[in-house]
């Protein structure tokens, strides 16, 4: 027996079509699952198509509506084709969570080669630019929409050893604020999610180092790191009408890390 959607306590996103990039794992996957529980038709897009398909199987078994699409956000033509496919299949695109990202190795800037730096910027910044350039026109055609771009606490403050990452995430904040100003009067809201430390594959290797988890936990007033499932409801709220007077804003979900 499948549940009636949206599930209790979830925002009502029925009749909304939402594209989630970076949906194969971590925050993206958890959020895609949660959005489906809100009643949204959810498009899970990532390079790892098989992982997206596995999540879609779970979503549909639970009574949700979802589809998997393979997407590399550094390929602008592929982004355009994905948005076009969403419109062709469902008639409109209403919501987007631009979450695909990478961190790169931790090292002082002068020790990072050009290819590494450019890859971080291509995924984290230019990938979001491509998504916005194709999602916004689709939303304008639909009469409006909402976009959430994933930055990081590294886009609000800084940390040593990840200069390209911090640069890319600071840029996402500025990009999103400017785009919000461009499209606010045309019915498209654009906001930024800035998560703190979350137990995702991007942190797996680092957390395996002796004492790493304890150190990270010591930096937050809550004394722990987050699970992806704790971030998903934040994104859903940002995408819902409950946040209707919010655009160009940065929402931190970091256990109090940036409060110190």
C-alpha atoms as a PDB file:
ATOM      1  CA  UNK A   1       0.000   0.000   0.000  1.00  0.00           C
ATOM      2  CA  UNK A   2       1.410   3.404  -0.964  1.00  0.00           C
ATOM      3  CA  UNK A   3       1.160   6.543   1.129  1.00  0.00           C
ATOM      4  CA  UNK A   4      -0.970   9.570   0.326  1.00  0.00           C
ATOM      5  CA  UNK A   5       1.292  12.440  -0.687  1.00  0.00           C
ATOM      6  CA  UNK A   6       2.423  14.805   0.596  1.00  0.00           C
ATOM      7  CA  UNK A   7       3.324  12.935   3.762  1.00  0.00           C
ATOM      8  CA  UNK A   8       2.274  14.580   7.048  1.00  0.00           C
ATOM      9  CA  UNK A   9       4.521  17.480   8.009  1.00  0.00           C
ATOM     10  CA  UNK A  10       5.821  17.906   4.463  1.00  0.00           C
ATOM     11  CA  UNK A  11       5.248  20.986   2.264  1.00  0.00           C
ATOM     12  CA  UNK A  12       2.629  20.451  -0.420  1.00  0.00           C
ATOM     13  CA  UNK A  13       4.457  20.324  -3.755  1.00  0.00           C
ATOM     14  CA  UNK A  14       1.820  18.460  -5.715  1.00  0.00           C
ATOM     15  CA  UNK A  15       1.532  19.627  -9.324  1.00  0.00           C
ATOM     16  CA  UNK A  16       5.156  20.828  -9.218  1.00  0.00           C
ATOM     17  CA  UNK A  17       7.964  19.469 -11.377  1.00  0.00           C
ATOM     18  CA  UNK A  18      11.398  19.695  -9.778  1.00  0.00           C
ATOM     19  CA  UNK A  19      14.853  19.091 -11.245  1.00  0.00           C
ATOM     20  CA  UNK A  20      17.562  18.012  -8.784  1.00  0.00           C
ATOM     21  CA  UNK A  21      21.185  17.900  -9.953  1.00  0.00           C
ATOM     22  CA  UNK A  22      23.797  15.910  -8.090  1.00  0.00           C
ATOM     23  CA  UNK A  23      20.927  13.600  -7.153  1.00  0.00           C
ATOM     24  CA  UNK A  24      22.849  10.326  -7.085  1.00  0.00           C
ATOM     25  CA  UNK A  25      24.107  10.657  -3.514  1.00  0.00           C
ATOM     26  CA  UNK A  26      24.318  12.764  -0.374  1.00  0.00           C
ATOM     27  CA  UNK A  27      22.207  15.887  -0.011  1.00  0.00           C
ATOM     28  CA  UNK A  28      20.945  15.662  -3.591  1.00  0.00           C
ATOM     29  CA  UNK A  29      19.613  12.133  -3.248  1.00  0.00           C
ATOM     30  CA  UNK A  30      18.096  12.738   0.186  1.00  0.00           C
ATOM     31  CA  UNK A  31      16.410  15.903  -1.045  1.00  0.00           C
ATOM     32  CA  UNK A  32      15.066  14.256  -4.191  1.00  0.00           C
ATOM     33  CA  UNK A  33      13.493  11.534  -2.070  1.00  0.00           C
ATOM     34  CA  UNK A  34      12.005  14.119   0.299  1.00  0.00           C
ATOM     35  CA  UNK A  35      10.622  16.263  -2.525  1.00  0.00           C
ATOM     36  CA  UNK A  36       8.882  13.198  -3.917  1.00  0.00           C
ATOM     37  CA  UNK A  37       7.355  12.669  -0.457  1.00  0.00           C
ATOM     38  CA  UNK A  38       6.057  16.243  -0.765  1.00  0.00           C
ATOM     39  CA  UNK A  39       4.196  15.184  -3.896  1.00  0.00           C
ATOM     40  CA  UNK A  40       6.535  16.773  -6.436  1.00  0.00           C
ATOM     41  CA  UNK A  41       7.321  15.101  -9.723  1.00  0.00           C
ATOM     42  CA  UNK A  42      11.048  14.787  -9.185  1.00  0.00           C
ATOM     43  CA  UNK A  43      13.748  14.525 -11.842  1.00  0.00           C
ATOM     44  CA  UNK A  44      16.945  13.024 -10.437  1.00  0.00           C
ATOM     45  CA  UNK A  45      19.893  14.086 -12.592  1.00  0.00           C
ATOM     46  CA  UNK A  46      23.548  13.162 -12.128  1.00  0.00           C
ATOM     47  CA  UNK A  47      26.488  11.572 -13.910  1.00  0.00           C
ATOM     48  CA  UNK A  48      25.793   8.304 -12.066  1.00  0.00           C
ATOM     49  CA  UNK A  49      22.578   7.277 -13.784  1.00  0.00           C
ATOM     50  CA  UNK A  50      22.387   3.872 -12.090  1.00  0.00           C
ATOM     51  CA  UNK A  51      22.338   5.408  -8.610  1.00  0.00           C
ATOM     52  CA  UNK A  52      19.575   7.793  -9.671  1.00  0.00           C
ATOM     53  CA  UNK A  53      17.592   4.894 -11.110  1.00  0.00           C
ATOM     54  CA  UNK A  54      17.895   2.997  -7.823  1.00  0.00           C
ATOM     55  CA  UNK A  55      16.481   5.995  -5.945  1.00  0.00           C
ATOM     56  CA  UNK A  56      13.689   6.377  -8.501  1.00  0.00           C
ATOM     57  CA  UNK A  57      12.744   2.737  -7.990  1.00  0.00           C
ATOM     58  CA  UNK A  58      12.357   3.359  -4.251  1.00  0.00           C
ATOM     59  CA  UNK A  59      10.401   6.564  -4.816  1.00  0.00           C
ATOM     60  CA  UNK A  60       7.925   5.003  -7.227  1.00  0.00           C
ATOM     61  CA  UNK A  61       7.477   1.957  -4.980  1.00  0.00           C
ATOM     62  CA  UNK A  62       6.445   4.354  -2.203  1.00  0.00           C
ATOM     63  CA  UNK A  63       3.880   6.044  -4.447  1.00  0.00           C
ATOM     64  CA  UNK A  64       5.953   8.979  -5.640  1.00  0.00           C
ATOM     65  CA  UNK A  65       6.626  10.168  -9.167  1.00  0.00           C
ATOM     66  CA  UNK A  66      10.224  10.418 -10.330  1.00  0.00           C
ATOM     67  CA  UNK A  67      12.512   9.840 -13.272  1.00  0.00           C
ATOM     68  CA  UNK A  68      16.284   9.515 -13.615  1.00  0.00           C
ATOM     69  CA  UNK A  69      18.330  11.388 -16.206  1.00  0.00           C
ATOM     70  CA  UNK A  70      22.066  11.305 -16.788  1.00  0.00           C
ATOM     71  CA  UNK A  71      23.638  14.749 -16.610  1.00  0.00           C
ATOM     72  CA  UNK A  72      27.087  16.290 -16.371  1.00  0.00           C
ATOM     73  CA  UNK A  73      26.486  19.926 -15.433  1.00  0.00           C
ATOM     74  CA  UNK A  74      29.797  20.967 -17.016  1.00  0.00           C
ATOM     75  CA  UNK A  75      28.262  20.113 -20.416  1.00  0.00           C
ATOM     76  CA  UNK A  76      26.070  23.100 -21.286  1.00  0.00           C
ATOM     77  CA  UNK A  77      24.427  21.312 -24.207  1.00  0.00           C
ATOM     78  CA  UNK A  78      23.515  18.429 -21.915  1.00  0.00           C
ATOM     79  CA  UNK A  79      21.982  20.829 -19.393  1.00  0.00           C
ATOM     80  CA  UNK A  80      19.920  22.432 -22.156  1.00  0.00           C
ATOM     81  CA  UNK A  81      18.797  19.019 -23.386  1.00  0.00           C
ATOM     82  CA  UNK A  82      17.833  17.895 -19.882  1.00  0.00           C
ATOM     83  CA  UNK A  83      15.673  20.949 -19.243  1.00  0.00           C
ATOM     84  CA  UNK A  84      14.089  20.537 -22.671  1.00  0.00           C
ATOM     85  CA  UNK A  85      13.354  16.880 -21.938  1.00  0.00           C
ATOM     86  CA  UNK A  86      11.732  17.786 -18.624  1.00  0.00           C
ATOM     87  CA  UNK A  87       9.490  20.317 -20.374  1.00  0.00           C
ATOM     88  CA  UNK A  88       8.633  17.878 -23.149  1.00  0.00           C
ATOM     89  CA  UNK A  89       7.808  15.077 -20.724  1.00  0.00           C
ATOM     90  CA  UNK A  90       5.923  17.020 -18.047  1.00  0.00           C
ATOM     91  CA  UNK A  91       4.902  20.262 -19.748  1.00  0.00           C
ATOM     92  CA  UNK A  92       6.790  22.598 -17.423  1.00  0.00           C
ATOM     93  CA  UNK A  93       9.641  23.035 -14.961  1.00  0.00           C
ATOM     94  CA  UNK A  94       8.610  24.747 -11.722  1.00  0.00           C
ATOM     95  CA  UNK A  95      11.404  24.049  -9.232  1.00  0.00           C
ATOM     96  CA  UNK A  96      15.135  23.328  -9.351  1.00  0.00           C
ATOM     97  CA  UNK A  97      17.750  22.340  -6.793  1.00  0.00           C
ATOM     98  CA  UNK A  98      21.174  22.928  -8.345  1.00  0.00           C
ATOM     99  CA  UNK A  99      23.243  20.771  -6.058  1.00  0.00           C
ATOM    100  CA  UNK A 100      25.939  19.085  -8.160  1.00  0.00           C
ATOM    101  CA  UNK A 101      29.335  19.875  -6.709  1.00  0.00           C
ATOM    102  CA  UNK A 102      32.877  18.794  -5.952  1.00  0.00           C
ATOM    103  CA  UNK A 103      35.523  19.862  -3.478  1.00  0.00           C
ATOM    104  CA  UNK A 104      38.856  18.748  -4.902  1.00  0.00           C
ATOM    105  CA  UNK A 105      41.894  17.777  -2.837  1.00  0.00           C
ATOM    106  CA  UNK A 106      42.775  19.711   0.303  1.00  0.00           C
ATOM    107  CA  UNK A 107      46.068  21.536  -0.208  1.00  0.00           C
ATOM    108  CA  UNK A 108      47.478  25.072  -0.169  1.00  0.00           C
ATOM    109  CA  UNK A 109      46.608  26.918  -3.369  1.00  0.00           C
ATOM    110  CA  UNK A 110      50.152  26.933  -4.791  1.00  0.00           C
ATOM    111  CA  UNK A 111      50.204  23.126  -4.582  1.00  0.00           C
ATOM    112  CA  UNK A 112      47.031  22.695  -6.635  1.00  0.00           C
ATOM    113  CA  UNK A 113      47.476  22.259 -10.366  1.00  0.00           C
ATOM    114  CA  UNK A 114      45.520  24.143 -12.989  1.00  0.00           C
ATOM    115  CA  UNK A 115      43.389  21.151 -13.959  1.00  0.00           C
ATOM    116  CA  UNK A 116      42.224  20.659 -10.380  1.00  0.00           C
ATOM    117  CA  UNK A 117      41.347  24.311  -9.884  1.00  0.00           C
ATOM    118  CA  UNK A 118      39.477  24.502 -13.175  1.00  0.00           C
ATOM    119  CA  UNK A 119      37.517  21.321 -12.483  1.00  0.00           C
ATOM    120  CA  UNK A 120      36.228  22.684  -9.174  1.00  0.00           C
ATOM    121  CA  UNK A 121      35.185  25.938 -10.834  1.00  0.00           C
ATOM    122  CA  UNK A 122      33.633  24.154 -13.827  1.00  0.00           C
ATOM    123  CA  UNK A 123      31.385  22.002 -11.648  1.00  0.00           C
ATOM    124  CA  UNK A 124      30.594  24.319  -8.757  1.00  0.00           C
ATOM    125  CA  UNK A 125      30.293  27.651 -10.560  1.00  0.00           C
ATOM    126  CA  UNK A 126      29.912  27.207 -14.294  1.00  0.00           C
ATOM    127  CA  UNK A 127      27.647  24.200 -13.744  1.00  0.00           C
ATOM    128  CA  UNK A 128      25.269  26.401 -11.759  1.00  0.00           C
ATOM    129  CA  UNK A 129      25.516  29.123 -14.393  1.00  0.00           C
ATOM    130  CA  UNK A 130      24.520  26.636 -17.101  1.00  0.00           C
ATOM    131  CA  UNK A 131      21.627  25.369 -15.026  1.00  0.00           C
ATOM    132  CA  UNK A 132      20.335  28.872 -14.366  1.00  0.00           C
ATOM    133  CA  UNK A 133      20.659  29.891 -18.013  1.00  0.00           C
ATOM    134  CA  UNK A 134      18.374  27.042 -19.069  1.00  0.00           C
ATOM    135  CA  UNK A 135      16.110  26.639 -16.040  1.00  0.00           C
ATOM    136  CA  UNK A 136      15.075  30.286 -15.784  1.00  0.00           C
ATOM    137  CA  UNK A 137      13.641  30.516 -19.333  1.00  0.00           C
ATOM    138  CA  UNK A 138      11.696  27.310 -18.696  1.00  0.00           C
ATOM    139  CA  UNK A 139      10.278  28.777 -15.501  1.00  0.00           C
ATOM    140  CA  UNK A 140       9.389  32.013 -17.250  1.00  0.00           C
ATOM    141  CA  UNK A 141       7.467  29.940 -19.768  1.00  0.00           C
ATOM    142  CA  UNK A 142       5.700  28.235 -16.846  1.00  0.00           C
ATOM    143  CA  UNK A 143       4.735  31.563 -15.286  1.00  0.00           C
ATOM    144  CA  UNK A 144       7.308  31.462 -12.494  1.00  0.00           C
ATOM    145  CA  UNK A 145       9.380  29.154 -10.367  1.00  0.00           C
ATOM    146  CA  UNK A 146      11.839  28.684  -7.539  1.00  0.00           C
ATOM    147  CA  UNK A 147      15.520  27.761  -7.629  1.00  0.00           C
ATOM    148  CA  UNK A 148      17.830  26.778  -4.786  1.00  0.00           C
ATOM    149  CA  UNK A 149      21.562  26.743  -5.490  1.00  0.00           C
ATOM    150  CA  UNK A 150      23.873  24.837  -3.174  1.00  0.00           C
ATOM    151  CA  UNK A 151      26.815  26.836  -1.896  1.00  0.00           C
ATOM    152  CA  UNK A 152      28.376  25.990   1.473  1.00  0.00           C
ATOM    153  CA  UNK A 153      29.488  27.623   4.675  1.00  0.00           C
ATOM    154  CA  UNK A 154      32.647  27.846   2.562  1.00  0.00           C
ATOM    155  CA  UNK A 155      30.735  30.368   0.474  1.00  0.00           C
ATOM    156  CA  UNK A 156      30.064  32.546   3.501  1.00  0.00           C
ATOM    157  CA  UNK A 157      33.362  32.260   5.357  1.00  0.00           C
ATOM    158  CA  UNK A 158      36.630  30.553   4.418  1.00  0.00           C
ATOM    159  CA  UNK A 159      38.726  27.550   5.380  1.00  0.00           C
ATOM    160  CA  UNK A 160      42.376  26.688   4.692  1.00  0.00           C
ATOM    161  CA  UNK A 161      43.357  24.218   2.005  1.00  0.00           C
ATOM    162  CA  UNK A 162      40.265  24.574  -0.179  1.00  0.00           C
ATOM    163  CA  UNK A 163      40.724  27.959  -1.849  1.00  0.00           C
ATOM    164  CA  UNK A 164      39.213  26.961  -5.234  1.00  0.00           C
ATOM    165  CA  UNK A 165      36.211  25.436  -3.471  1.00  0.00           C
ATOM    166  CA  UNK A 166      35.670  28.531  -1.328  1.00  0.00           C
ATOM    167  CA  UNK A 167      36.081  30.761  -4.378  1.00  0.00           C
ATOM    168  CA  UNK A 168      33.487  28.758  -6.299  1.00  0.00           C
ATOM    169  CA  UNK A 169      30.986  28.781  -3.459  1.00  0.00           C
ATOM    170  CA  UNK A 170      31.412  32.503  -2.749  1.00  0.00           C
ATOM    171  CA  UNK A 171      30.771  33.004  -6.465  1.00  0.00           C
ATOM    172  CA  UNK A 172      27.574  30.948  -6.294  1.00  0.00           C
ATOM    173  CA  UNK A 173      26.312  33.282  -3.565  1.00  0.00           C
ATOM    174  CA  UNK A 174      27.018  36.382  -5.658  1.00  0.00           C
ATOM    175  CA  UNK A 175      25.630  34.783  -8.798  1.00  0.00           C
ATOM    176  CA  UNK A 176      22.425  33.812  -7.039  1.00  0.00           C
ATOM    177  CA  UNK A 177      21.883  37.236  -5.500  1.00  0.00           C
ATOM    178  CA  UNK A 178      22.348  38.953  -8.852  1.00  0.00           C
ATOM    179  CA  UNK A 179      20.080  36.493 -10.649  1.00  0.00           C
ATOM    180  CA  UNK A 180      17.459  36.958  -7.933  1.00  0.00           C
ATOM    181  CA  UNK A 181      17.518  40.686  -8.647  1.00  0.00           C
ATOM    182  CA  UNK A 182      17.165  40.013 -12.375  1.00  0.00           C
ATOM    183  CA  UNK A 183      14.119  37.772 -12.135  1.00  0.00           C
ATOM    184  CA  UNK A 184      12.320  38.705  -8.911  1.00  0.00           C
ATOM    185  CA  UNK A 185       9.694  40.799 -10.689  1.00  0.00           C
ATOM    186  CA  UNK A 186       9.196  38.083 -13.277  1.00  0.00           C
ATOM    187  CA  UNK A 187       8.112  35.439 -10.797  1.00  0.00           C
ATOM    188  CA  UNK A 188      11.316  33.444 -10.366  1.00  0.00           C
ATOM    189  CA  UNK A 189      12.817  33.275  -6.878  1.00  0.00           C
ATOM    190  CA  UNK A 190      16.454  32.235  -6.432  1.00  0.00           C
ATOM    191  CA  UNK A 191      18.029  31.447  -3.065  1.00  0.00           C
ATOM    192  CA  UNK A 192      21.153  29.787  -1.714  1.00  0.00           C
ATOM    193  CA  UNK A 193      21.586  26.839   0.622  1.00  0.00           C
ATOM    194  CA  UNK A 194      24.809  26.966   2.640  1.00  0.00           C
ATOM    195  CA  UNK A 195      25.166  23.654   4.468  1.00  0.00           C
ATOM    196  CA  UNK A 196      27.851  22.982   7.013  1.00  0.00           C
ATOM    197  CA  UNK A 197      29.507  19.609   7.514  1.00  0.00           C
ATOM    198  CA  UNK A 198      27.223  16.827   6.312  1.00  0.00           C
ATOM    199  CA  UNK A 199      27.965  13.106   6.238  1.00  0.00           C
ATOM    200  CA  UNK A 200      28.192  12.737   2.457  1.00  0.00           C
ATOM    201  CA  UNK A 201      30.623  11.022   0.069  1.00  0.00           C
ATOM    202  CA  UNK A 202      32.413  14.331  -0.514  1.00  0.00           C
ATOM    203  CA  UNK A 203      33.687  14.078   3.085  1.00  0.00           C
ATOM    204  CA  UNK A 204      34.199  10.310   3.243  1.00  0.00           C
ATOM    205  CA  UNK A 205      37.973  10.258   2.806  1.00  0.00           C
ATOM    206  CA  UNK A 206      38.522  13.190   5.144  1.00  0.00           C
ATOM    207  CA  UNK A 207      36.328  11.709   7.875  1.00  0.00           C
ATOM    208  CA  UNK A 208      38.341   8.484   7.695  1.00  0.00           C
ATOM    209  CA  UNK A 209      41.420  10.304   8.998  1.00  0.00           C
ATOM    210  CA  UNK A 210      42.079   9.721  12.721  1.00  0.00           C
ATOM    211  CA  UNK A 211      40.462  12.440  14.804  1.00  0.00           C
ATOM    212  CA  UNK A 212      38.853  14.178  11.819  1.00  0.00           C
ATOM    213  CA  UNK A 213      35.254  13.596  12.872  1.00  0.00           C
ATOM    214  CA  UNK A 214      35.936  14.650  16.445  1.00  0.00           C
ATOM    215  CA  UNK A 215      37.635  17.826  15.236  1.00  0.00           C
ATOM    216  CA  UNK A 216      34.751  18.690  12.937  1.00  0.00           C
ATOM    217  CA  UNK A 217      32.204  18.047  15.665  1.00  0.00           C
ATOM    218  CA  UNK A 218      34.116  20.319  18.030  1.00  0.00           C
ATOM    219  CA  UNK A 219      33.629  23.279  15.688  1.00  0.00           C
ATOM    220  CA  UNK A 220      29.840  23.454  15.991  1.00  0.00           C
ATOM    221  CA  UNK A 221      27.688  24.441  18.979  1.00  0.00           C
ATOM    222  CA  UNK A 222      25.583  21.327  18.396  1.00  0.00           C
ATOM    223  CA  UNK A 223      28.694  19.181  18.642  1.00  0.00           C
ATOM    224  CA  UNK A 224      28.000  17.003  15.619  1.00  0.00           C
ATOM    225  CA  UNK A 225      27.767  16.933  11.851  1.00  0.00           C
ATOM    226  CA  UNK A 226      24.506  16.614   9.922  1.00  0.00           C
ATOM    227  CA  UNK A 227      22.960  13.753   8.029  1.00  0.00           C
ATOM    228  CA  UNK A 228      21.731  14.488   4.477  1.00  0.00           C
ATOM    229  CA  UNK A 229      18.167  13.784   5.576  1.00  0.00           C
ATOM    230  CA  UNK A 230      18.356  16.785   7.923  1.00  0.00           C
ATOM    231  CA  UNK A 231      19.130  19.140   5.039  1.00  0.00           C
ATOM    232  CA  UNK A 232      16.388  17.898   2.702  1.00  0.00           C
ATOM    233  CA  UNK A 233      13.465  19.518   4.592  1.00  0.00           C
ATOM    234  CA  UNK A 234      15.288  22.852   4.546  1.00  0.00           C
ATOM    235  CA  UNK A 235      15.502  22.714   0.757  1.00  0.00           C
ATOM    236  CA  UNK A 236      11.870  21.671   0.442  1.00  0.00           C
ATOM    237  CA  UNK A 237      10.791  24.649   2.539  1.00  0.00           C
ATOM    238  CA  UNK A 238      12.923  26.977   0.420  1.00  0.00           C
ATOM    239  CA  UNK A 239      11.274  25.599  -2.729  1.00  0.00           C
ATOM    240  CA  UNK A 240       7.760  25.835  -1.313  1.00  0.00           C
ATOM    241  CA  UNK A 241       5.307  28.721  -1.141  1.00  0.00           C
ATOM    242  CA  UNK A 242       6.053  28.958   2.589  1.00  0.00           C
ATOM    243  CA  UNK A 243       9.155  30.970   1.629  1.00  0.00           C
ATOM    244  CA  UNK A 244       7.269  33.145  -0.867  1.00  0.00           C
ATOM    245  CA  UNK A 245       8.800  36.470   0.247  1.00  0.00           C
ATOM    246  CA  UNK A 246      12.364  35.196   0.178  1.00  0.00           C
ATOM    247  CA  UNK A 247      14.704  35.674  -2.767  1.00  0.00           C
ATOM    248  CA  UNK A 248      18.397  36.455  -2.994  1.00  0.00           C
ATOM    249  CA  UNK A 249      18.812  34.969   0.483  1.00  0.00           C
ATOM    250  CA  UNK A 250      21.422  32.619   1.916  1.00  0.00           C
ATOM    251  CA  UNK A 251      20.149  29.974   4.327  1.00  0.00           C
ATOM    252  CA  UNK A 252      22.775  28.299   6.489  1.00  0.00           C
ATOM    253  CA  UNK A 253      22.156  24.837   7.936  1.00  0.00           C
ATOM    254  CA  UNK A 254      25.390  24.279   9.811  1.00  0.00           C
ATOM    255  CA  UNK A 255      24.735  23.391  13.427  1.00  0.00           C
ATOM    256  CA  UNK A 256      25.746  26.900  14.426  1.00  0.00           C
ATOM    257  CA  UNK A 257      29.211  26.759  12.846  1.00  0.00           C
ATOM    258  CA  UNK A 258      29.017  30.247  11.331  1.00  0.00           C
ATOM    259  CA  UNK A 259      27.515  31.680  14.522  1.00  0.00           C
ATOM    260  CA  UNK A 260      30.861  31.412  16.314  1.00  0.00           C
END
